[in-house]
Amino acid sequence: VATIYTTSGSTYYASSVKGRFTISQDNANDMMYLQMNSLKPEDTAMY
């Protein structure tokens, strides 16, 4: 679905979710997030 490089913060997305999903990180708290907008039935899955 998406990748984030932890040091640089660079992000990459699958074409199916690009423009709708955003991957981010909070390194200080050992957390990563995936914001998903404009969800489609095709997004149904175990993540």
All heavy atoms as atom14 arrays in JSON, in Angstrom:
{
  "sequence": "VATIYTTSGSTYYASSVKGRFTISQDNANDMMYLQMNSLKPEDTAMY",
  "atom14_mask": [
    [1, 1, 1, 1, 1, 1, 1, 0, 0, 0, 0, 0, 0, 0],
    [1, 1, 1, 1, 1, 0, 0, 0, 0, 0, 0, 0, 0, 0],
    [1, 1, 1, 1, 1, 1, 1, 0, 0, 0, 0, 0, 0, 0],
    [1, 1, 1, 1, 1, 1, 1, 1, 0, 0, 0, 0, 0, 0],
    [1, 1, 1, 1, 1, 1, 1, 1, 1, 1, 1, 1, 0, 0],
    [1, 1, 1, 1, 1, 1, 1, 0, 0, 0, 0, 0, 0, 0],
    [1, 1, 1, 1, 1, 1, 1, 0, 0, 0, 0, 0, 0, 0],
    [1, 1, 1, 1, 1, 1, 0, 0, 0, 0, 0, 0, 0, 0],
    [1, 1, 1, 1, 0, 0, 0, 0, 0, 0, 0, 0, 0, 0],
    [1, 1, 1, 1, 1, 1, 0, 0, 0, 0, 0, 0, 0, 0],
    [1, 1, 1, 1, 1, 1, 1, 0, 0, 0, 0, 0, 0, 0],
    [1, 1, 1, 1, 1, 1, 1, 1, 1, 1, 1, 1, 0, 0],
    [1, 1, 1, 1, 1, 1, 1, 1, 1, 1, 1, 1, 0, 0],
    [1, 1, 1, 1, 1, 0, 0, 0, 0, 0, 0, 0, 0, 0],
    [1, 1, 1, 1, 1, 1, 0, 0, 0, 0, 0, 0, 0, 0],
    [1, 1, 1, 1, 1, 1, 0, 0, 0, 0, 0, 0, 0, 0],
    [1, 1, 1, 1, 1, 1, 1, 0, 0, 0, 0, 0, 0, 0],
    [1, 1, 1, 1, 1, 1, 1, 1, 1, 0, 0, 0, 0, 0],
    [1, 1, 1, 1, 0, 0, 0, 0, 0, 0, 0, 0, 0, 0],
    [1, 1, 1, 1, 1, 1, 1, 1, 1, 1, 1, 0, 0, 0],
    [1, 1, 1, 1, 1, 1, 1, 1, 1, 1, 1, 0, 0, 0],
    [1, 1, 1, 1, 1, 1, 1, 0, 0, 0, 0, 0, 0, 0],
    [1, 1, 1, 1, 1, 1, 1, 1, 0, 0, 0, 0, 0, 0],
    [1, 1, 1, 1, 1, 1, 0, 0, 0, 0, 0, 0, 0, 0],
    [1, 1, 1, 1, 1, 1, 1, 1, 1, 0, 0, 0, 0, 0],
    [1, 1, 1, 1, 1, 1, 1, 1, 0, 0, 0, 0, 0, 0],
    [1, 1, 1, 1, 1, 1, 1, 1, 0, 0, 0, 0, 0, 0],
    [1, 1, 1, 1, 1, 0, 0, 0, 0, 0, 0, 0, 0, 0],
    [1, 1, 1, 1, 1, 1, 1, 1, 0, 0, 0, 0, 0, 0],
    [1, 1, 1, 1, 1, 1, 1, 1, 0, 0, 0, 0, 0, 0],
    [1, 1, 1, 1, 1, 1, 1, 1, 0, 0, 0, 0, 0, 0],
    [1, 1, 1, 1, 1, 1, 1, 1, 0, 0, 0, 0, 0, 0],
    [1, 1, 1, 1, 1, 1, 1, 1, 1, 1, 1, 1, 0, 0],
    [1, 1, 1, 1, 1, 1, 1, 1, 0, 0, 0, 0, 0, 0],
    [1, 1, 1, 1, 1, 1, 1, 1, 1, 0, 0, 0, 0, 0],
    [1, 1, 1, 1, 1, 1, 1, 1, 0, 0, 0, 0, 0, 0],
    [1, 1, 1, 1, 1, 1, 1, 1, 0, 0, 0, 0, 0, 0],
    [1, 1, 1, 1, 1, 1, 0, 0, 0, 0, 0, 0, 0, 0],
    [1, 1, 1, 1, 1, 1, 1, 1, 0, 0, 0, 0, 0, 0],
    [1, 1, 1, 1, 1, 1, 1, 1, 1, 0, 0, 0, 0, 0],
    [1, 1, 1, 1, 1, 1, 1, 0, 0, 0, 0, 0, 0, 0],
    [1, 1, 1, 1, 1, 1, 1, 1, 1, 0, 0, 0, 0, 0],
    [1, 1, 1, 1, 1, 1, 1, 1, 0, 0, 0, 0, 0, 0],
    [1, 1, 1, 1, 1, 1, 1, 0, 0, 0, 0, 0, 0, 0],
    [1, 1, 1, 1, 1, 0, 0, 0, 0, 0, 0, 0, 0, 0],
    [1, 1, 1, 1, 1, 1, 1, 1, 0, 0, 0, 0, 0, 0],
    [1, 1, 1, 1, 1, 1, 1, 1, 1, 1, 1, 1, 0, 0]
  ],
  "atom14_positions": [
    [[0.82, -1.21, 0.0], [0.0, 0.0, 0.0], [0.86, 1.26, 0.0], [0.68, 2.14, -0.84], [-0.94, 0.03, 1.21], [-1.7, 1.35, 1.28], [-1.92, -1.14, 1.15], [0.0, 0.0, 0.0], [0.0, 0.0, 0.0], [0.0, 0.0, 0.0], [0.0, 0.0, 0.0], [0.0, 0.0, 0.0], [0.0, 0.0, 0.0], [0.0, 0.0, 0.0]],
    [[1.77, 1.37, 0.96], [2.58, 2.58, 1.1], [3.83, 2.3, 1.91], [3.87, 1.38, 2.71], [1.78, 3.71, 1.76], [0.0, 0.0, 0.0], [0.0, 0.0, 0.0], [0.0, 0.0, 0.0], [0.0, 0.0, 0.0], [0.0, 0.0, 0.0], [0.0, 0.0, 0.0], [0.0, 0.0, 0.0], [0.0, 0.0, 0.0], [0.0, 0.0, 0.0]],
    [[4.86, 3.11, 1.7], [6.13, 2.99, 2.4], [6.62, 4.36, 2.84], [6.42, 5.35, 2.13], [7.2, 2.34, 1.5], [6.84, 0.99, 1.21], [8.57, 2.35, 2.19], [0.0, 0.0, 0.0], [0.0, 0.0, 0.0], [0.0, 0.0, 0.0], [0.0, 0.0, 0.0], [0.0, 0.0, 0.0], [0.0, 0.0, 0.0], [0.0, 0.0, 0.0]],
    [[7.24, 4.41, 4.0], [7.9, 5.62, 4.47], [9.31, 5.27, 4.91], [9.51, 4.31, 5.65], [7.11, 6.32, 5.59], [7.78, 7.64, 5.97], [6.95, 5.43, 6.81], [6.9, 8.55, 6.83], [0.0, 0.0, 0.0], [0.0, 0.0, 0.0], [0.0, 0.0, 0.0], [0.0, 0.0, 0.0], [0.0, 0.0, 0.0], [0.0, 0.0, 0.0]],
    [[10.28, 6.03, 4.44], [11.67, 5.86, 4.87], [11.83, 6.66, 6.16], [11.61, 7.86, 6.19], [12.63, 6.32, 3.78], [12.75, 5.33, 2.66], [11.76, 5.2, 1.7], [13.86, 4.48, 2.57], [11.85, 4.27, 0.69], [13.96, 3.55, 1.56], [12.96, 3.45, 0.62], [13.06, 2.52, -0.39], [0.0, 0.0, 0.0], [0.0, 0.0, 0.0]],
    [[12.23, 5.97, 7.22], [12.16, 6.54, 8.56], [13.07, 7.73, 8.79], [12.72, 8.64, 9.55], [12.47, 5.46, 9.62], [13.75, 4.88, 9.35], [11.41, 4.37, 9.58], [0.0, 0.0, 0.0], [0.0, 0.0, 0.0], [0.0, 0.0, 0.0], [0.0, 0.0, 0.0], [0.0, 0.0, 0.0], [0.0, 0.0, 0.0], [0.0, 0.0, 0.0]],
    [[14.22, 7.77, 8.15], [15.15, 8.86, 8.35], [14.81, 10.07, 7.48], [14.74, 11.2, 7.97], [16.6, 8.43, 8.08], [16.95, 7.37, 8.98], [17.55, 9.59, 8.29], [0.0, 0.0, 0.0], [0.0, 0.0, 0.0], [0.0, 0.0, 0.0], [0.0, 0.0, 0.0], [0.0, 0.0, 0.0], [0.0, 0.0, 0.0], [0.0, 0.0, 0.0]],
    [[14.61, 9.84, 6.21], [14.35, 10.94, 5.28], [12.9, 11.4, 5.29], [12.61, 12.55, 4.95], [14.74, 10.53, 3.86], [13.88, 9.52, 3.36], [0.0, 0.0, 0.0], [0.0, 0.0, 0.0], [0.0, 0.0, 0.0], [0.0, 0.0, 0.0], [0.0, 0.0, 0.0], [0.0, 0.0, 0.0], [0.0, 0.0, 0.0], [0.0, 0.0, 0.0]],
    [[11.99, 10.51, 5.64], [10.58, 10.82, 5.59], [9.96, 10.68, 4.21], [8.78, 10.99, 4.04], [0.0, 0.0, 0.0], [0.0, 0.0, 0.0], [0.0, 0.0, 0.0], [0.0, 0.0, 0.0], [0.0, 0.0, 0.0], [0.0, 0.0, 0.0], [0.0, 0.0, 0.0], [0.0, 0.0, 0.0], [0.0, 0.0, 0.0], [0.0, 0.0, 0.0]],
    [[10.73, 10.22, 3.25], [10.21, 10.04, 1.89], [9.12, 8.98, 1.88], [9.21, 7.97, 2.58], [11.34, 9.63, 0.95], [12.34, 10.63, 0.88], [0.0, 0.0, 0.0], [0.0, 0.0, 0.0], [0.0, 0.0, 0.0], [0.0, 0.0, 0.0], [0.0, 0.0, 0.0], [0.0, 0.0, 0.0], [0.0, 0.0, 0.0], [0.0, 0.0, 0.0]],
    [[8.1, 9.21, 1.09], [6.95, 8.32, 1.04], [6.67, 7.85, -0.38], [6.94, 8.57, -1.35], [5.69, 8.99, 1.6], [5.42, 10.19, 0.85], [5.89, 9.35, 3.06], [0.0, 0.0, 0.0], [0.0, 0.0, 0.0], [0.0, 0.0, 0.0], [0.0, 0.0, 0.0], [0.0, 0.0, 0.0], [0.0, 0.0, 0.0], [0.0, 0.0, 0.0]],
    [[6.09, 6.66, -0.5], [5.74, 6.07, -1.78], [4.42, 5.34, -1.63], [4.12, 4.78, -0.58], [6.84, 5.11, -2.24], [8.18, 5.78, -2.4], [9.06, 5.86, -1.32], [8.56, 6.36, -3.6], [10.29, 6.49, -1.44], [9.79, 7.0, -3.73], [10.64, 7.06, -2.65], [11.85, 7.69, -2.77], [0.0, 0.0, 0.0], [0.0, 0.0, 0.0]],
    [[3.62, 5.36, -2.69], [2.29, 4.81, -2.63], [1.98, 3.93, -3.84], [2.46, 4.18, -4.95], [1.25, 5.92, -2.58], [1.39, 6.83, -1.38], [2.17, 7.97, -1.44], [0.72, 6.53, -0.2], [2.3, 8.79, -0.33], [0.84, 7.36, 0.91], [1.63, 8.48, 0.84], [1.76, 9.31, 1.94], [0.0, 0.0, 0.0], [0.0, 0.0, 0.0]],
    [[1.17, 2.92, -3.6], [0.64, 2.15, -4.71], [-0.3, 3.02, -5.52], [-0.97, 3.91, -4.98], [-0.09, 0.92, -4.19], [0.0, 0.0, 0.0], [0.0, 0.0, 0.0], [0.0, 0.0, 0.0], [0.0, 0.0, 0.0], [0.0, 0.0, 0.0], [0.0, 0.0, 0.0], [0.0, 0.0, 0.0], [0.0, 0.0, 0.0], [0.0, 0.0, 0.0]],
    [[-0.36, 2.78, -6.81], [-1.18, 3.6, -7.68], [-2.65, 3.57, -7.28], [-3.38, 4.55, -7.47], [-1.03, 3.16, -9.13], [-1.41, 1.8, -9.3], [0.0, 0.0, 0.0], [0.0, 0.0, 0.0], [0.0, 0.0, 0.0], [0.0, 0.0, 0.0], [0.0, 0.0, 0.0], [0.0, 0.0, 0.0], [0.0, 0.0, 0.0], [0.0, 0.0, 0.0]],
    [[-3.09, 2.48, -6.7], [-4.48, 2.33, -6.32], [-4.91, 3.24, -5.17], [-6.1, 3.48, -4.98], [-4.78, 0.87, -5.96], [-3.96, 0.44, -4.89], [0.0, 0.0, 0.0], [0.0, 0.0, 0.0], [0.0, 0.0, 0.0], [0.0, 0.0, 0.0], [0.0, 0.0, 0.0], [0.0, 0.0, 0.0], [0.0, 0.0, 0.0], [0.0, 0.0, 0.0]],
    [[-3.95, 3.73, -4.39], [-4.28, 4.55, -3.22], [-3.67, 5.94, -3.28], [-4.0, 6.79, -2.44], [-3.85, 3.87, -1.91], [-4.43, 2.47, -1.81], [-2.33, 3.83, -1.8], [0.0, 0.0, 0.0], [0.0, 0.0, 0.0], [0.0, 0.0, 0.0], [0.0, 0.0, 0.0], [0.0, 0.0, 0.0], [0.0, 0.0, 0.0], [0.0, 0.0, 0.0]],
    [[-2.82, 6.2, -4.25], [-2.15, 7.49, -4.34], [-3.17, 8.61, -4.48], [-4.09, 8.54, -5.28], [-1.19, 7.49, -5.53], [-0.25, 8.69, -5.55], [0.8, 8.54, -6.64], [1.8, 9.68, -6.6], [2.86, 9.51, -7.65], [0.0, 0.0, 0.0], [0.0, 0.0, 0.0], [0.0, 0.0, 0.0], [0.0, 0.0, 0.0], [0.0, 0.0, 0.0]],
    [[-2.99, 9.65, -3.67], [-3.91, 10.77, -3.67], [-5.02, 10.63, -2.67], [-5.71, 11.61, -2.36], [0.0, 0.0, 0.0], [0.0, 0.0, 0.0], [0.0, 0.0, 0.0], [0.0, 0.0, 0.0], [0.0, 0.0, 0.0], [0.0, 0.0, 0.0], [0.0, 0.0, 0.0], [0.0, 0.0, 0.0], [0.0, 0.0, 0.0], [0.0, 0.0, 0.0]],
    [[-5.21, 9.42, -2.13], [-6.26, 9.18, -1.15], [-5.7, 8.82, 0.22], [-6.29, 9.16, 1.24], [-7.18, 8.05, -1.62], [-7.89, 8.34, -2.93], [-8.93, 7.27, -3.25], [-8.32, 5.95, -3.42], [-8.6, 4.89, -2.66], [-9.49, 5.0, -1.68], [-8.01, 3.73, -2.9], [0.0, 0.0, 0.0], [0.0, 0.0, 0.0], [0.0, 0.0, 0.0]],
    [[-4.58, 8.11, 0.25], [-3.96, 7.66, 1.5], [-2.7, 8.48, 1.78], [-2.0, 8.9, 0.86], [-3.56, 6.19, 1.42], [-4.72, 5.23, 1.39], [-6.02, 5.66, 1.22], [-4.48, 3.87, 1.53], [-7.08, 4.77, 1.19], [-5.53, 2.96, 1.5], [-6.83, 3.41, 1.33], [0.0, 0.0, 0.0], [0.0, 0.0, 0.0], [0.0, 0.0, 0.0]],
    [[-2.39, 8.66, 3.07], [-1.18, 9.35, 3.49], [-0.52, 8.57, 4.61], [-1.14, 8.32, 5.65], [-1.47, 10.78, 3.96], [-2.12, 11.52, 2.93], [-0.17, 11.48, 4.35], [0.0, 0.0, 0.0], [0.0, 0.0, 0.0], [0.0, 0.0, 0.0], [0.0, 0.0, 0.0], [0.0, 0.0, 0.0], [0.0, 0.0, 0.0], [0.0, 0.0, 0.0]],
    [[0.74, 8.19, 4.42], [1.5, 7.5, 5.44], [2.35, 8.52, 6.18], [2.91, 9.44, 5.58], [2.38, 6.39, 4.82], [3.06, 5.56, 5.91], [3.39, 6.96, 3.85], [3.78, 4.33, 5.37], [0.0, 0.0, 0.0], [0.0, 0.0, 0.0], [0.0, 0.0, 0.0], [0.0, 0.0, 0.0], [0.0, 0.0, 0.0], [0.0, 0.0, 0.0]],
    [[2.44, 8.39, 7.49], [3.22, 9.32, 8.3], [3.79, 8.59, 9.51], [3.42, 7.45, 9.79], [2.38, 10.52, 8.73], [1.28, 10.11, 9.53], [0.0, 0.0, 0.0], [0.0, 0.0, 0.0], [0.0, 0.0, 0.0], [0.0, 0.0, 0.0], [0.0, 0.0, 0.0], [0.0, 0.0, 0.0], [0.0, 0.0, 0.0], [0.0, 0.0, 0.0]],
    [[4.67, 9.26, 10.22], [5.31, 8.65, 11.37], [5.5, 9.65, 12.49], [5.6, 10.86, 12.26], [6.66, 8.05, 10.98], [7.67, 9.07, 10.46], [8.94, 8.44, 9.94], [9.14, 7.23, 10.06], [9.81, 9.25, 9.37], [0.0, 0.0, 0.0], [0.0, 0.0, 0.0], [0.0, 0.0, 0.0], [0.0, 0.0, 0.0], [0.0, 0.0, 0.0]],
    [[5.57, 9.14, 13.71], [5.89, 9.91, 14.9], [6.99, 9.12, 15.6], [6.72, 8.29, 16.47], [4.67, 10.08, 15.79], [4.96, 10.89, 17.04], [6.11, 11.32, 17.23], [4.03, 11.1, 17.83], [0.0, 0.0, 0.0], [0.0, 0.0, 0.0], [0.0, 0.0, 0.0], [0.0, 0.0, 0.0], [0.0, 0.0, 0.0], [0.0, 0.0, 0.0]],
    [[8.22, 9.36, 15.19], [9.33, 8.57, 15.68], [9.54, 8.7, 17.19], [9.97, 7.75, 17.85], [10.62, 8.97, 14.95], [10.6, 8.56, 13.5], [9.91, 7.62, 13.11], [11.37, 9.25, 12.67], [0.0, 0.0, 0.0], [0.0, 0.0, 0.0], [0.0, 0.0, 0.0], [0.0, 0.0, 0.0], [0.0, 0.0, 0.0], [0.0, 0.0, 0.0]],
    [[9.25, 9.87, 17.75], [9.44, 10.08, 19.17], [8.57, 9.16, 20.01], [8.92, 8.81, 21.13], [9.17, 11.54, 19.53], [0.0, 0.0, 0.0], [0.0, 0.0, 0.0], [0.0, 0.0, 0.0], [0.0, 0.0, 0.0], [0.0, 0.0, 0.0], [0.0, 0.0, 0.0], [0.0, 0.0, 0.0], [0.0, 0.0, 0.0], [0.0, 0.0, 0.0]],
    [[7.43, 8.76, 19.45], [6.5, 7.91, 20.17], [6.37, 6.52, 19.57], [5.46, 5.76, 19.93], [5.12, 8.58, 20.23], [5.13, 9.83, 21.07], [5.39, 9.78, 22.26], [4.87, 10.98, 20.44], [0.0, 0.0, 0.0], [0.0, 0.0, 0.0], [0.0, 0.0, 0.0], [0.0, 0.0, 0.0], [0.0, 0.0, 0.0], [0.0, 0.0, 0.0]],
    [[7.25, 6.18, 18.65], [7.27, 4.86, 18.02], [5.91, 4.52, 17.41], [5.37, 3.43, 17.61], [7.69, 3.79, 19.02], [9.07, 4.01, 19.58], [9.95, 4.48, 18.83], [9.29, 3.71, 20.77], [0.0, 0.0, 0.0], [0.0, 0.0, 0.0], [0.0, 0.0, 0.0], [0.0, 0.0, 0.0], [0.0, 0.0, 0.0], [0.0, 0.0, 0.0]],
    [[5.39, 5.47, 16.63], [4.09, 5.3, 16.0], [4.17, 5.57, 14.5], [4.96, 6.38, 14.04], [3.05, 6.24, 16.61], [2.76, 5.98, 18.08], [1.85, 4.43, 18.33], [0.27, 4.85, 17.6], [0.0, 0.0, 0.0], [0.0, 0.0, 0.0], [0.0, 0.0, 0.0], [0.0, 0.0, 0.0], [0.0, 0.0, 0.0], [0.0, 0.0, 0.0]],
    [[3.36, 4.87, 13.75], [3.19, 5.12, 12.33], [1.7, 5.14, 12.03], [0.92, 4.46, 12.7], [3.89, 4.05, 11.49], [3.81, 4.31, 9.99], [4.65, 3.05, 8.98], [3.63, 1.63, 9.29], [0.0, 0.0, 0.0], [0.0, 0.0, 0.0], [0.0, 0.0, 0.0], [0.0, 0.0, 0.0], [0.0, 0.0, 0.0], [0.0, 0.0, 0.0]],
    [[1.31, 5.91, 11.01], [-0.1, 6.09, 10.72], [-0.38, 5.94, 9.24], [0.49, 6.13, 8.39], [-0.57, 7.47, 11.18], [-0.27, 7.78, 12.62], [0.86, 8.52, 12.96], [-1.11, 7.33, 13.63], [1.15, 8.8, 14.28], [-0.82, 7.62, 14.96], [0.3, 8.34, 15.28], [0.59, 8.63, 16.59], [0.0, 0.0, 0.0], [0.0, 0.0, 0.0]],
    [[-1.61, 5.61, 8.94], [-2.1, 5.6, 7.57], [-3.45, 6.3, 7.56], [-4.44, 5.75, 8.05], [-2.23, 4.18, 7.02], [-2.65, 4.09, 5.56], [-1.53, 4.61, 4.65], [-3.01, 2.65, 5.18], [0.0, 0.0, 0.0], [0.0, 0.0, 0.0], [0.0, 0.0, 0.0], [0.0, 0.0, 0.0], [0.0, 0.0, 0.0], [0.0, 0.0, 0.0]],
    [[-3.47, 7.52, 7.04], [-4.72, 8.25, 6.89], [-5.35, 7.85, 5.57], [-4.74, 8.0, 4.51], [-4.46, 9.76, 6.92], [-5.7, 10.62, 6.72], [-6.68, 10.49, 7.86], [-6.3, 10.55, 9.02], [-7.95, 10.29, 7.54], [0.0, 0.0, 0.0], [0.0, 0.0, 0.0], [0.0, 0.0, 0.0], [0.0, 0.0, 0.0], [0.0, 0.0, 0.0]],
    [[-6.57, 7.35, 5.62], [-7.25, 6.86, 4.44], [-8.5, 7.69, 4.2], [-9.41, 7.72, 5.03], [-7.63, 5.39, 4.6], [-6.44, 4.49, 4.95], [-6.89, 2.73, 4.99], [-8.04, 2.73, 6.37], [0.0, 0.0, 0.0], [0.0, 0.0, 0.0], [0.0, 0.0, 0.0], [0.0, 0.0, 0.0], [0.0, 0.0, 0.0], [0.0, 0.0, 0.0]],
    [[-8.54, 8.38, 3.08], [-9.67, 9.21, 2.7], [-10.31, 8.67, 1.42], [-9.7, 7.9, 0.69], [-9.24, 10.66, 2.48], [-8.67, 11.3, 3.72], [-9.1, 11.02, 4.83], [-7.68, 12.18, 3.53], [0.0, 0.0, 0.0], [0.0, 0.0, 0.0], [0.0, 0.0, 0.0], [0.0, 0.0, 0.0], [0.0, 0.0, 0.0], [0.0, 0.0, 0.0]],
    [[-11.53, 9.1, 1.16], [-12.25, 8.69, -0.04], [-12.21, 7.18, -0.23], [-11.91, 6.66, -1.3], [-11.67, 9.39, -1.27], [-11.73, 10.8, -1.13], [0.0, 0.0, 0.0], [0.0, 0.0, 0.0], [0.0, 0.0, 0.0], [0.0, 0.0, 0.0], [0.0, 0.0, 0.0], [0.0, 0.0, 0.0], [0.0, 0.0, 0.0], [0.0, 0.0, 0.0]],
    [[-12.53, 6.47, 0.82], [-12.45, 5.01, 0.8], [-13.42, 4.41, -0.2], [-14.53, 4.9, -0.4], [-12.71, 4.45, 2.19], [-11.53, 4.6, 3.16], [-11.99, 4.4, 4.6], [-10.43, 3.61, 2.81], [0.0, 0.0, 0.0], [0.0, 0.0, 0.0], [0.0, 0.0, 0.0], [0.0, 0.0, 0.0], [0.0, 0.0, 0.0], [0.0, 0.0, 0.0]],
    [[-12.97, 3.32, -0.82], [-13.75, 2.6, -1.81], [-13.97, 1.16, -1.33], [-13.19, 0.65, -0.54], [-13.01, 2.57, -3.15], [-12.64, 3.94, -3.71], [-11.81, 3.79, -4.97], [-11.41, 5.14, -5.53], [-10.6, 4.99, -6.77], [0.0, 0.0, 0.0], [0.0, 0.0, 0.0], [0.0, 0.0, 0.0], [0.0, 0.0, 0.0], [0.0, 0.0, 0.0]],
    [[-15.0, 0.5, -1.83], [-15.19, -0.91, -1.47], [-13.97, -1.77, -1.77], [-13.72, -2.74, -1.06], [-16.4, -1.32, -2.33], [-17.17, -0.06, -2.49], [-16.12, 1.02, -2.62], [0.0, 0.0, 0.0], [0.0, 0.0, 0.0], [0.0, 0.0, 0.0], [0.0, 0.0, 0.0], [0.0, 0.0, 0.0], [0.0, 0.0, 0.0], [0.0, 0.0, 0.0]],
    [[-13.22, -1.41, -2.8], [-12.02, -2.15, -3.16], [-10.92, -2.05, -2.1], [-9.96, -2.82, -2.14], [-11.46, -1.65, -4.5], [-12.46, -1.68, -5.63], [-13.21, -0.37, -5.77], [-14.27, -0.22, -5.12], [-12.74, 0.51, -6.53], [0.0, 0.0, 0.0], [0.0, 0.0, 0.0], [0.0, 0.0, 0.0], [0.0, 0.0, 0.0], [0.0, 0.0, 0.0]],
    [[-11.05, -1.11, -1.16], [-10.08, -0.97, -0.08], [-10.33, -1.94, 1.06], [-9.54, -2.01, 2.0], [-10.1, 0.46, 0.47], [-9.68, 1.49, -0.56], [-8.71, 1.23, -1.32], [-10.31, 2.57, -0.61], [0.0, 0.0, 0.0], [0.0, 0.0, 0.0], [0.0, 0.0, 0.0], [0.0, 0.0, 0.0], [0.0, 0.0, 0.0], [0.0, 0.0, 0.0]],
    [[-11.42, -2.67, 1.0], [-11.75, -3.64, 2.04], [-10.66, -4.7, 2.14], [-10.34, -5.37, 1.16], [-13.1, -4.3, 1.76], [-14.14, -3.32, 1.84], [-13.38, -5.4, 2.78], [0.0, 0.0, 0.0], [0.0, 0.0, 0.0], [0.0, 0.0, 0.0], [0.0, 0.0, 0.0], [0.0, 0.0, 0.0], [0.0, 0.0, 0.0], [0.0, 0.0, 0.0]],
    [[-10.07, -4.83, 3.33], [-8.96, -5.75, 3.52], [-8.53, -5.75, 4.98], [-8.93, -4.88, 5.76], [-7.77, -5.37, 2.64], [0.0, 0.0, 0.0], [0.0, 0.0, 0.0], [0.0, 0.0, 0.0], [0.0, 0.0, 0.0], [0.0, 0.0, 0.0], [0.0, 0.0, 0.0], [0.0, 0.0, 0.0], [0.0, 0.0, 0.0], [0.0, 0.0, 0.0]],
    [[-7.71, -6.72, 5.32], [-6.99, -6.69, 6.58], [-5.71, -5.9, 6.33], [-4.96, -6.22, 5.41], [-6.67, -8.1, 7.06], [-5.99, -8.15, 8.42], [-7.12, -7.76, 9.79], [-8.05, -9.3, 9.87], [0.0, 0.0, 0.0], [0.0, 0.0, 0.0], [0.0, 0.0, 0.0], [0.0, 0.0, 0.0], [0.0, 0.0, 0.0], [0.0, 0.0, 0.0]],
    [[-5.49, -4.87, 7.12], [-4.34, -4.0, 6.93], [-3.25, -4.32, 7.95], [-3.53, -4.45, 9.15], [-4.75, -2.53, 7.06], [-5.42, -2.0, 5.82], [-6.71, -2.4, 5.49], [-4.77, -1.11, 4.96], [-7.33, -1.94, 4.34], [-5.38, -0.64, 3.82], [-6.66, -1.06, 3.51], [-7.27, -0.59, 2.36], [0.0, 0.0, 0.0], [0.0, 0.0, 0.0]]
  ]
}
